[in-house]
Each structure stands twice: as C-alpha cells, then as structure tokens.
Amino acid sequence: MKDKHKRLITEMLRYCVAGGSAFLCDLGTKTLFHSVLLPESMGGFEVFGFPIEWRVAVSTAAGFVVGLLVNYIISILYVFTNEKQKEQGRGIKAFLIYFCVSIVGLLINFVITQLGCNIFGITRDDTFKFLVVSCIAAGIALIWNYIGRKAFVYRGK
C-alpha cells in the first residue's frame, strides 16, 4: 500500500476515534436534555409542513456544542497530525470554517433525528428509540463532517 493511502487510512481511523469520543459526549448530552432535563410539553412549530419539536431542537443543539468542542480538540491533538495540517487547523479562521462544516453536520443530524421522532412517534419516555434514531443521524453526520473538515480545514498531505 502506498504511503499516502496508508496515512489516509490511519487518519480516518483516528478520526473515527475522535468522532466516536465526540459522539458519546454529543449523544449523552442530547439524551440527557431530551429525556431528563427538558419538559415533555415544550411545543413546536412547522417548517414547510414538517413538524419541529423544541425539545428535539434544543437537545440536538446542546449535544452538538459539546461534541463540536470535544471533536475539535481531539482533531488538533490526535487526528490531523502532520505539521501543515496542524497549522491549518489552528486559529480563528480555521475554527470558523470547522464550525461552518459542523453546522451542516448539525442540520443533517437534526433533520434525521426529527424525522425519526416524527415517523416513530418518539416521546420523552422513548429513550431507547431516541438513542437508535440519534445513532443513525450521528453516523450520517460523521461521514459529512470528516469529508468537510478534510476538504476545507485540513487540506494537505
């Protein structure tokens, strides 16, 4: 296997470790907010006929913030390790690009979570179903986040 491919596979595996750690923090925070801290009757609204629950929106956003910070720190320290990538990953500009890529991941995560809650009628008490839907949503968002961060933040070797 060529060195470039080997480095890319190693980097992707490290990203899975970082993403997995961030995912656990995101999922824990999201579930804590959805199933424990926020009341059942927070209400909601519709966007283009698509029902949005405030409880899902707030819990997804809280998990996102915690997961984003964990992922950013681990990515700088462990995933994108060559000097050019480390330099590109630090600073306000890099964090803002990282944040924008993450916002797209958040939207993917939220839409899939909300869609799953709507389809399966998930309530505050359906923690297991909520976890399953959240895992699927996070897995899809993880793929986007790696590709987006690799393309826009950590360009290079």
N, C-alpha and C. Protein backbone atom coordinates (compact mmCIF):
# COMPACT_ATOMS: atom_id res chain seq x y z
N MET A 1 0.84 -1.17 0.00
CA MET A 1 0.00 0.00 0.00
C MET A 1 0.89 1.24 0.00
N LYS A 2 0.54 2.22 -0.79
CA LYS A 2 1.34 3.44 -0.86
C LYS A 2 1.26 4.20 0.45
N ASP A 3 2.33 4.96 0.73
CA ASP A 3 2.37 5.74 1.97
C ASP A 3 1.21 6.71 2.09
N LYS A 4 0.82 7.34 0.99
CA LYS A 4 -0.28 8.31 1.02
C LYS A 4 -1.59 7.63 1.43
N HIS A 5 -1.85 6.45 0.87
CA HIS A 5 -3.07 5.73 1.22
C HIS A 5 -3.03 5.23 2.66
N LYS A 6 -1.86 4.79 3.08
CA LYS A 6 -1.71 4.32 4.45
C LYS A 6 -1.95 5.46 5.44
N ARG A 7 -1.39 6.65 5.15
CA ARG A 7 -1.62 7.81 6.01
C ARG A 7 -3.09 8.19 6.06
N LEU A 8 -3.76 8.13 4.91
CA LEU A 8 -5.17 8.49 4.84
C LEU A 8 -6.03 7.52 5.66
N ILE A 9 -5.73 6.23 5.55
CA ILE A 9 -6.47 5.22 6.32
C ILE A 9 -6.22 5.41 7.82
N THR A 10 -4.96 5.65 8.20
CA THR A 10 -4.64 5.89 9.60
C THR A 10 -5.36 7.13 10.11
N GLU A 11 -5.36 8.18 9.29
CA GLU A 11 -6.05 9.41 9.67
C GLU A 11 -7.55 9.18 9.83
N MET A 12 -8.14 8.43 8.92
CA MET A 12 -9.57 8.14 9.01
C MET A 12 -9.89 7.32 10.26
N LEU A 13 -9.04 6.37 10.60
CA LEU A 13 -9.24 5.57 11.81
C LEU A 13 -9.11 6.46 13.06
N ARG A 14 -8.14 7.35 13.05
CA ARG A 14 -8.02 8.29 14.17
C ARG A 14 -9.23 9.20 14.24
N TYR A 15 -9.74 9.60 13.08
CA TYR A 15 -10.93 10.45 13.07
C TYR A 15 -12.12 9.69 13.65
N CYS A 16 -12.19 8.41 13.41
CA CYS A 16 -13.27 7.60 13.99
C CYS A 16 -13.17 7.57 15.51
N VAL A 17 -11.94 7.52 16.04
CA VAL A 17 -11.74 7.57 17.49
C VAL A 17 -12.19 8.94 18.01
N ALA A 18 -11.75 9.99 17.35
CA ALA A 18 -12.15 11.35 17.76
C ALA A 18 -13.66 11.52 17.61
N GLY A 19 -14.17 11.09 16.47
CA GLY A 19 -15.61 11.20 16.23
C GLY A 19 -16.40 10.36 17.20
N GLY A 20 -15.88 9.18 17.52
CA GLY A 20 -16.56 8.31 18.49
C GLY A 20 -16.61 8.94 19.88
N SER A 21 -15.50 9.54 20.28
CA SER A 21 -15.46 10.22 21.58
C SER A 21 -16.43 11.41 21.60
N ALA A 22 -16.38 12.20 20.54
CA ALA A 22 -17.29 13.35 20.44
C ALA A 22 -18.73 12.88 20.36
N PHE A 23 -18.95 11.78 19.64
CA PHE A 23 -20.30 11.22 19.51
C PHE A 23 -20.86 10.83 20.87
N LEU A 24 -20.05 10.16 21.69
CA LEU A 24 -20.51 9.75 23.02
C LEU A 24 -20.87 10.97 23.87
N CYS A 25 -20.05 12.01 23.78
CA CYS A 25 -20.35 13.24 24.53
C CYS A 25 -21.61 13.91 23.97
N ASP A 26 -21.72 13.97 22.64
CA ASP A 26 -22.90 14.54 21.99
C ASP A 26 -24.16 13.75 22.36
N LEU A 27 -24.10 12.44 22.20
CA LEU A 27 -25.26 11.59 22.47
C LEU A 27 -25.67 11.64 23.94
N GLY A 28 -24.70 11.62 24.82
CA GLY A 28 -25.01 11.70 26.24
C GLY A 28 -25.70 13.01 26.60
N THR A 29 -25.16 14.09 26.08
CA THR A 29 -25.75 15.41 26.34
C THR A 29 -27.13 15.50 25.71
N LYS A 30 -27.25 15.06 24.46
CA LYS A 30 -28.53 15.11 23.74
C LYS A 30 -29.60 14.30 24.46
N THR A 31 -29.25 13.11 24.89
CA THR A 31 -30.21 12.24 25.59
C THR A 31 -30.56 12.80 26.96
N LEU A 32 -29.57 13.33 27.66
CA LEU A 32 -29.83 13.94 28.97
C LEU A 32 -30.84 15.08 28.83
N PHE A 33 -30.63 15.94 27.85
CA PHE A 33 -31.56 17.04 27.65
C PHE A 33 -32.93 16.54 27.21
N HIS A 34 -32.96 15.63 26.23
CA HIS A 34 -34.23 15.15 25.67
C HIS A 34 -35.06 14.37 26.68
N SER A 35 -34.42 13.48 27.41
CA SER A 35 -35.15 12.53 28.25
C SER A 35 -35.22 12.88 29.73
N VAL A 36 -34.41 13.86 30.17
CA VAL A 36 -34.39 14.16 31.60
C VAL A 36 -34.63 15.65 31.89
N LEU A 37 -33.84 16.51 31.27
CA LEU A 37 -33.86 17.92 31.66
C LEU A 37 -34.99 18.74 31.08
N LEU A 38 -35.39 18.45 29.85
CA LEU A 38 -36.42 19.27 29.20
C LEU A 38 -37.80 18.68 29.39
N PRO A 39 -38.80 19.52 29.58
CA PRO A 39 -40.17 19.02 29.78
C PRO A 39 -40.76 18.43 28.50
N GLU A 40 -41.70 17.51 28.68
CA GLU A 40 -42.37 16.86 27.55
C GLU A 40 -43.08 17.88 26.67
N SER A 41 -43.70 18.84 27.27
CA SER A 41 -44.57 19.76 26.53
C SER A 41 -43.89 21.09 26.25
N MET A 42 -42.85 21.09 25.46
CA MET A 42 -42.19 22.33 25.09
C MET A 42 -42.83 22.96 23.86
N GLY A 43 -43.68 22.20 23.20
CA GLY A 43 -44.32 22.72 22.00
C GLY A 43 -43.44 22.57 20.77
N GLY A 44 -43.83 23.25 19.72
CA GLY A 44 -43.07 23.16 18.49
C GLY A 44 -43.66 24.07 17.43
N PHE A 45 -43.25 23.84 16.21
CA PHE A 45 -43.70 24.64 15.08
C PHE A 45 -43.51 23.82 13.81
N GLU A 46 -43.90 24.38 12.68
CA GLU A 46 -43.74 23.68 11.41
C GLU A 46 -42.88 24.50 10.46
N VAL A 47 -42.09 23.80 9.67
CA VAL A 47 -41.31 24.41 8.59
C VAL A 47 -41.67 23.65 7.33
N PHE A 48 -42.31 24.31 6.40
CA PHE A 48 -42.78 23.70 5.16
C PHE A 48 -43.60 22.44 5.43
N GLY A 49 -44.44 22.50 6.46
CA GLY A 49 -45.29 21.38 6.81
C GLY A 49 -44.60 20.28 7.60
N PHE A 50 -43.34 20.46 7.91
CA PHE A 50 -42.54 19.49 8.66
C PHE A 50 -42.56 19.87 10.14
N PRO A 51 -43.17 19.05 11.01
CA PRO A 51 -43.25 19.42 12.43
C PRO A 51 -41.89 19.37 13.12
N ILE A 52 -41.60 20.44 13.85
CA ILE A 52 -40.35 20.57 14.60
C ILE A 52 -40.71 20.67 16.09
N GLU A 53 -40.10 19.83 16.91
CA GLU A 53 -40.30 19.90 18.35
C GLU A 53 -39.15 20.68 18.99
N TRP A 54 -39.47 21.61 19.86
CA TRP A 54 -38.43 22.38 20.55
C TRP A 54 -37.52 21.46 21.36
N ARG A 55 -38.08 20.42 21.96
CA ARG A 55 -37.28 19.51 22.79
C ARG A 55 -36.18 18.84 21.95
N VAL A 56 -36.55 18.42 20.74
CA VAL A 56 -35.56 17.78 19.86
C VAL A 56 -34.53 18.82 19.40
N ALA A 57 -34.99 20.01 19.06
CA ALA A 57 -34.08 21.06 18.58
C ALA A 57 -33.08 21.47 19.66
N VAL A 58 -33.56 21.70 20.88
CA VAL A 58 -32.69 22.13 21.97
C VAL A 58 -31.72 21.02 22.37
N SER A 59 -32.21 19.79 22.48
CA SER A 59 -31.33 18.69 22.88
C SER A 59 -30.28 18.41 21.82
N THR A 60 -30.65 18.49 20.54
CA THR A 60 -29.69 18.28 19.45
C THR A 60 -28.63 19.38 19.46
N ALA A 61 -29.04 20.62 19.68
CA ALA A 61 -28.09 21.74 19.72
C ALA A 61 -27.13 21.62 20.91
N ALA A 62 -27.64 21.24 22.07
CA ALA A 62 -26.78 21.08 23.25
C ALA A 62 -25.73 19.99 23.01
N GLY A 63 -26.17 18.86 22.48
CA GLY A 63 -25.22 17.79 22.17
C GLY A 63 -24.20 18.22 21.13
N PHE A 64 -24.64 18.98 20.14
CA PHE A 64 -23.76 19.48 19.10
C PHE A 64 -22.63 20.33 19.68
N VAL A 65 -22.96 21.25 20.56
CA VAL A 65 -21.95 22.14 21.13
C VAL A 65 -20.89 21.34 21.88
N VAL A 66 -21.32 20.42 22.72
CA VAL A 66 -20.38 19.61 23.48
C VAL A 66 -19.54 18.73 22.54
N GLY A 67 -20.20 18.06 21.60
CA GLY A 67 -19.47 17.20 20.65
C GLY A 67 -18.51 17.98 19.77
N LEU A 68 -18.90 19.17 19.33
CA LEU A 68 -18.04 20.01 18.49
C LEU A 68 -16.74 20.35 19.21
N LEU A 69 -16.85 20.79 20.45
CA LEU A 69 -15.66 21.16 21.21
C LEU A 69 -14.74 19.96 21.44
N VAL A 70 -15.32 18.83 21.81
CA VAL A 70 -14.52 17.62 22.03
C VAL A 70 -13.83 17.20 20.73
N ASN A 71 -14.58 17.20 19.62
CA ASN A 71 -14.01 16.78 18.34
C ASN A 71 -12.91 17.72 17.88
N TYR A 72 -13.11 19.01 18.03
CA TYR A 72 -12.11 19.99 17.59
C TYR A 72 -10.79 19.79 18.35
N ILE A 73 -10.89 19.64 19.65
CA ILE A 73 -9.68 19.48 20.46
C ILE A 73 -8.96 18.18 20.10
N ILE A 74 -9.70 17.08 20.01
CA ILE A 74 -9.08 15.79 19.68
C ILE A 74 -8.51 15.81 18.25
N SER A 75 -9.21 16.45 17.33
CA SER A 75 -8.72 16.50 15.94
C SER A 75 -7.39 17.22 15.85
N ILE A 76 -7.26 18.33 16.56
CA ILE A 76 -5.99 19.07 16.54
C ILE A 76 -4.87 18.26 17.18
N LEU A 77 -5.18 17.61 18.29
CA LEU A 77 -4.13 16.91 19.05
C LEU A 77 -3.80 15.52 18.51
N TYR A 78 -4.76 14.85 17.85
CA TYR A 78 -4.58 13.43 17.55
C TYR A 78 -4.81 13.02 16.10
N VAL A 79 -5.75 13.66 15.42
CA VAL A 79 -6.16 13.15 14.10
C VAL A 79 -5.30 13.70 12.98
N PHE A 80 -5.33 15.00 12.81
CA PHE A 80 -4.64 15.65 11.70
C PHE A 80 -3.27 16.06 12.21
N THR A 81 -2.28 15.16 12.03
CA THR A 81 -1.03 15.26 12.78
C THR A 81 0.16 15.82 12.02
N ASN A 82 0.10 15.92 10.69
CA ASN A 82 1.29 16.48 10.06
C ASN A 82 1.33 17.99 10.29
N GLU A 83 2.51 18.57 10.22
CA GLU A 83 2.71 19.97 10.62
C GLU A 83 1.84 20.94 9.82
N LYS A 84 1.69 20.68 8.52
CA LYS A 84 0.87 21.57 7.69
C LYS A 84 -0.59 21.54 8.16
N GLN A 85 -1.10 20.37 8.43
CA GLN A 85 -2.48 20.25 8.90
C GLN A 85 -2.66 20.88 10.28
N LYS A 86 -1.68 20.68 11.16
CA LYS A 86 -1.77 21.28 12.50
C LYS A 86 -1.84 22.80 12.39
N GLU A 87 -1.00 23.35 11.52
CA GLU A 87 -1.01 24.80 11.32
C GLU A 87 -2.34 25.27 10.75
N GLN A 88 -2.86 24.52 9.77
CA GLN A 88 -4.13 24.88 9.15
C GLN A 88 -5.30 24.76 10.11
N GLY A 89 -5.20 23.88 11.08
CA GLY A 89 -6.31 23.62 11.99
C GLY A 89 -6.41 24.56 13.17
N ARG A 90 -5.40 25.40 13.34
CA ARG A 90 -5.40 26.30 14.49
C ARG A 90 -5.78 27.71 14.04
N GLY A 91 -6.30 28.46 14.94
CA GLY A 91 -6.64 29.85 14.67
C GLY A 91 -8.13 30.06 14.49
N ILE A 92 -8.50 31.32 14.51
CA ILE A 92 -9.91 31.71 14.42
C ILE A 92 -10.50 31.32 13.07
N LYS A 93 -9.79 31.60 11.99
CA LYS A 93 -10.32 31.29 10.65
C LYS A 93 -10.60 29.79 10.52
N ALA A 94 -9.65 28.97 10.94
CA ALA A 94 -9.82 27.52 10.85
C ALA A 94 -11.01 27.06 11.70
N PHE A 95 -11.12 27.63 12.92
CA PHE A 95 -12.24 27.23 13.77
C PHE A 95 -13.57 27.64 13.15
N LEU A 96 -13.62 28.82 12.54
CA LEU A 96 -14.87 29.27 11.90
C LEU A 96 -15.26 28.36 10.73
N ILE A 97 -14.28 27.95 9.94
CA ILE A 97 -14.56 27.01 8.85
C ILE A 97 -15.00 25.67 9.44
N TYR A 98 -14.29 25.22 10.46
CA TYR A 98 -14.64 23.99 11.17
C TYR A 98 -16.07 24.07 11.69
N PHE A 99 -16.42 25.21 12.26
CA PHE A 99 -17.76 25.44 12.79
C PHE A 99 -18.80 25.39 11.68
N CYS A 100 -18.52 26.03 10.54
CA CYS A 100 -19.48 26.03 9.41
C CYS A 100 -19.71 24.62 8.87
N VAL A 101 -18.65 23.86 8.72
CA VAL A 101 -18.79 22.46 8.30
C VAL A 101 -19.65 21.71 9.32
N SER A 102 -19.39 21.99 10.58
CA SER A 102 -20.14 21.33 11.65
C SER A 102 -21.61 21.72 11.67
N ILE A 103 -21.91 22.96 11.30
CA ILE A 103 -23.32 23.39 11.24
C ILE A 103 -24.08 22.55 10.23
N VAL A 104 -23.46 22.26 9.09
CA VAL A 104 -24.10 21.38 8.10
C VAL A 104 -24.32 20.00 8.73
N GLY A 105 -23.32 19.49 9.45
CA GLY A 105 -23.47 18.22 10.16
C GLY A 105 -24.59 18.28 11.19
N LEU A 106 -24.70 19.40 11.89
CA LEU A 106 -25.79 19.58 12.86
C LEU A 106 -27.14 19.53 12.16
N LEU A 107 -27.27 20.20 11.03
CA LEU A 107 -28.53 20.20 10.30
C LEU A 107 -28.89 18.79 9.82
N ILE A 108 -27.90 18.07 9.33
CA ILE A 108 -28.12 16.68 8.91
C ILE A 108 -28.60 15.87 10.11
N ASN A 109 -27.89 16.00 11.23
CA ASN A 109 -28.22 15.28 12.45
C ASN A 109 -29.63 15.64 12.93
N PHE A 110 -29.94 16.92 12.96
CA PHE A 110 -31.24 17.35 13.45
C PHE A 110 -32.38 16.87 12.56
N VAL A 111 -32.24 17.04 11.25
CA VAL A 111 -33.32 16.64 10.33
C VAL A 111 -33.59 15.14 10.45
N ILE A 112 -32.54 14.34 10.48
CA ILE A 112 -32.73 12.89 10.58
C ILE A 112 -33.33 12.52 11.94
N THR A 113 -32.86 13.16 13.02
CA THR A 113 -33.42 12.89 14.35
C THR A 113 -34.89 13.27 14.40
N GLN A 114 -35.21 14.47 13.92
CA GLN A 114 -36.60 14.93 13.97
C GLN A 114 -37.48 14.05 13.09
N LEU A 115 -36.99 13.69 11.92
CA LEU A 115 -37.74 12.82 11.02
C LEU A 115 -38.02 11.47 11.69
N GLY A 116 -36.99 10.91 12.35
CA GLY A 116 -37.17 9.65 13.06
C GLY A 116 -38.18 9.77 14.19
N CYS A 117 -38.11 10.88 14.93
CA CYS A 117 -39.08 11.10 16.02
C CYS A 117 -40.49 11.20 15.47
N ASN A 118 -40.64 11.87 14.33
CA ASN A 118 -41.96 12.02 13.71
C ASN A 118 -42.48 10.67 13.20
N ILE A 119 -41.65 9.94 12.49
CA ILE A 119 -42.06 8.67 11.89
C ILE A 119 -42.42 7.64 12.96
N PHE A 120 -41.60 7.55 14.00
CA PHE A 120 -41.78 6.51 15.02
C PHE A 120 -42.54 7.00 16.25
N GLY A 121 -43.00 8.26 16.23
CA GLY A 121 -43.77 8.79 17.35
C GLY A 121 -43.00 8.79 18.66
N ILE A 122 -41.73 9.12 18.61
CA ILE A 122 -40.87 9.07 19.80
C ILE A 122 -41.21 10.23 20.74
N THR A 123 -41.41 9.87 22.01
CA THR A 123 -41.70 10.85 23.04
C THR A 123 -40.53 10.92 24.02
N ARG A 124 -40.68 11.72 25.04
CA ARG A 124 -39.64 11.89 26.06
C ARG A 124 -39.32 10.56 26.74
N ASP A 125 -40.29 9.69 26.86
CA ASP A 125 -40.10 8.41 27.56
C ASP A 125 -39.53 7.30 26.68
N ASP A 126 -39.41 7.53 25.39
CA ASP A 126 -38.90 6.50 24.46
C ASP A 126 -37.39 6.66 24.27
N THR A 127 -36.65 6.56 25.36
CA THR A 127 -35.21 6.82 25.34
C THR A 127 -34.48 5.87 24.39
N PHE A 128 -34.82 4.59 24.39
CA PHE A 128 -34.12 3.64 23.52
C PHE A 128 -34.33 3.98 22.06
N LYS A 129 -35.58 4.23 21.67
CA LYS A 129 -35.86 4.60 20.28
C LYS A 129 -35.12 5.90 19.91
N PHE A 130 -35.11 6.84 20.84
CA PHE A 130 -34.41 8.10 20.60
C PHE A 130 -32.92 7.86 20.39
N LEU A 131 -32.33 6.98 21.18
CA LEU A 131 -30.91 6.65 21.03
C LEU A 131 -30.63 6.01 19.67
N VAL A 132 -31.49 5.10 19.23
CA VAL A 132 -31.30 4.45 17.93
C VAL A 132 -31.35 5.47 16.80
N VAL A 133 -32.38 6.30 16.81
CA VAL A 133 -32.51 7.34 15.77
C VAL A 133 -31.32 8.29 15.82
N SER A 134 -30.90 8.67 17.02
CA SER A 134 -29.76 9.58 17.18
C SER A 134 -28.46 8.96 16.67
N CYS A 135 -28.27 7.66 16.88
CA CYS A 135 -27.08 6.97 16.38
C CYS A 135 -27.04 6.96 14.85
N ILE A 136 -28.16 6.71 14.24
CA ILE A 136 -28.23 6.72 12.77
C ILE A 136 -27.92 8.12 12.25
N ALA A 137 -28.54 9.12 12.87
CA ALA A 137 -28.32 10.51 12.45
C ALA A 137 -26.85 10.90 12.62
N ALA A 138 -26.26 10.53 13.74
CA ALA A 138 -24.87 10.88 14.01
C ALA A 138 -23.91 10.18 13.05
N GLY A 139 -24.21 8.94 12.70
CA GLY A 139 -23.36 8.21 11.75
C GLY A 139 -23.32 8.88 10.39
N ILE A 140 -24.46 9.33 9.93
CA ILE A 140 -24.52 10.01 8.64
C ILE A 140 -23.80 11.36 8.73
N ALA A 141 -24.01 12.09 9.83
CA ALA A 141 -23.34 13.37 10.01
C ALA A 141 -21.82 13.19 10.14
N LEU A 142 -21.37 12.08 10.75
CA LEU A 142 -19.94 11.81 10.89
C LEU A 142 -19.25 11.74 9.53
N ILE A 143 -19.89 11.10 8.59
CA ILE A 143 -19.31 10.98 7.24
C ILE A 143 -19.15 12.37 6.62
N TRP A 144 -20.22 13.18 6.69
CA TRP A 144 -20.12 14.55 6.16
C TRP A 144 -19.02 15.33 6.87
N ASN A 145 -18.97 15.25 8.20
CA ASN A 145 -18.00 16.04 8.97
C ASN A 145 -16.57 15.69 8.60
N TYR A 146 -16.27 14.41 8.42
CA TYR A 146 -14.90 14.03 8.04
C TYR A 146 -14.57 14.59 6.66
N ILE A 147 -15.43 14.37 5.71
CA ILE A 147 -15.18 14.84 4.34
C ILE A 147 -15.07 16.36 4.33
N GLY A 148 -15.99 17.05 4.98
CA GLY A 148 -15.97 18.51 5.01
C GLY A 148 -14.74 19.07 5.69
N ARG A 149 -14.37 18.51 6.83
CA ARG A 149 -13.20 19.00 7.55
C ARG A 149 -11.91 18.71 6.79
N LYS A 150 -11.84 17.54 6.20
CA LYS A 150 -10.65 17.18 5.42
C LYS A 150 -10.52 18.13 4.22
N ALA A 151 -11.63 18.43 3.55
CA ALA A 151 -11.60 19.27 2.35
C ALA A 151 -11.38 20.75 2.66
N PHE A 152 -12.00 21.24 3.74
CA PHE A 152 -11.99 22.68 3.96
C PHE A 152 -11.07 23.17 5.07
N VAL A 153 -10.71 22.32 6.02
CA VAL A 153 -9.89 22.78 7.13
C VAL A 153 -8.49 22.19 7.05
N TYR A 154 -8.40 20.87 6.91
CA TYR A 154 -7.12 20.17 7.00
C TYR A 154 -6.61 19.72 5.64
N ARG A 155 -6.63 20.63 4.68
CA ARG A 155 -6.11 20.27 3.34
C ARG A 155 -4.62 19.99 3.48
N GLY A 156 -4.15 19.11 2.66
CA GLY A 156 -2.72 18.82 2.70
C GLY A 156 -2.48 17.33 2.60
N LYS A 157 -1.33 16.93 3.04
CA LYS A 157 -0.91 15.54 2.94
C LYS A 157 -1.85 14.61 3.65
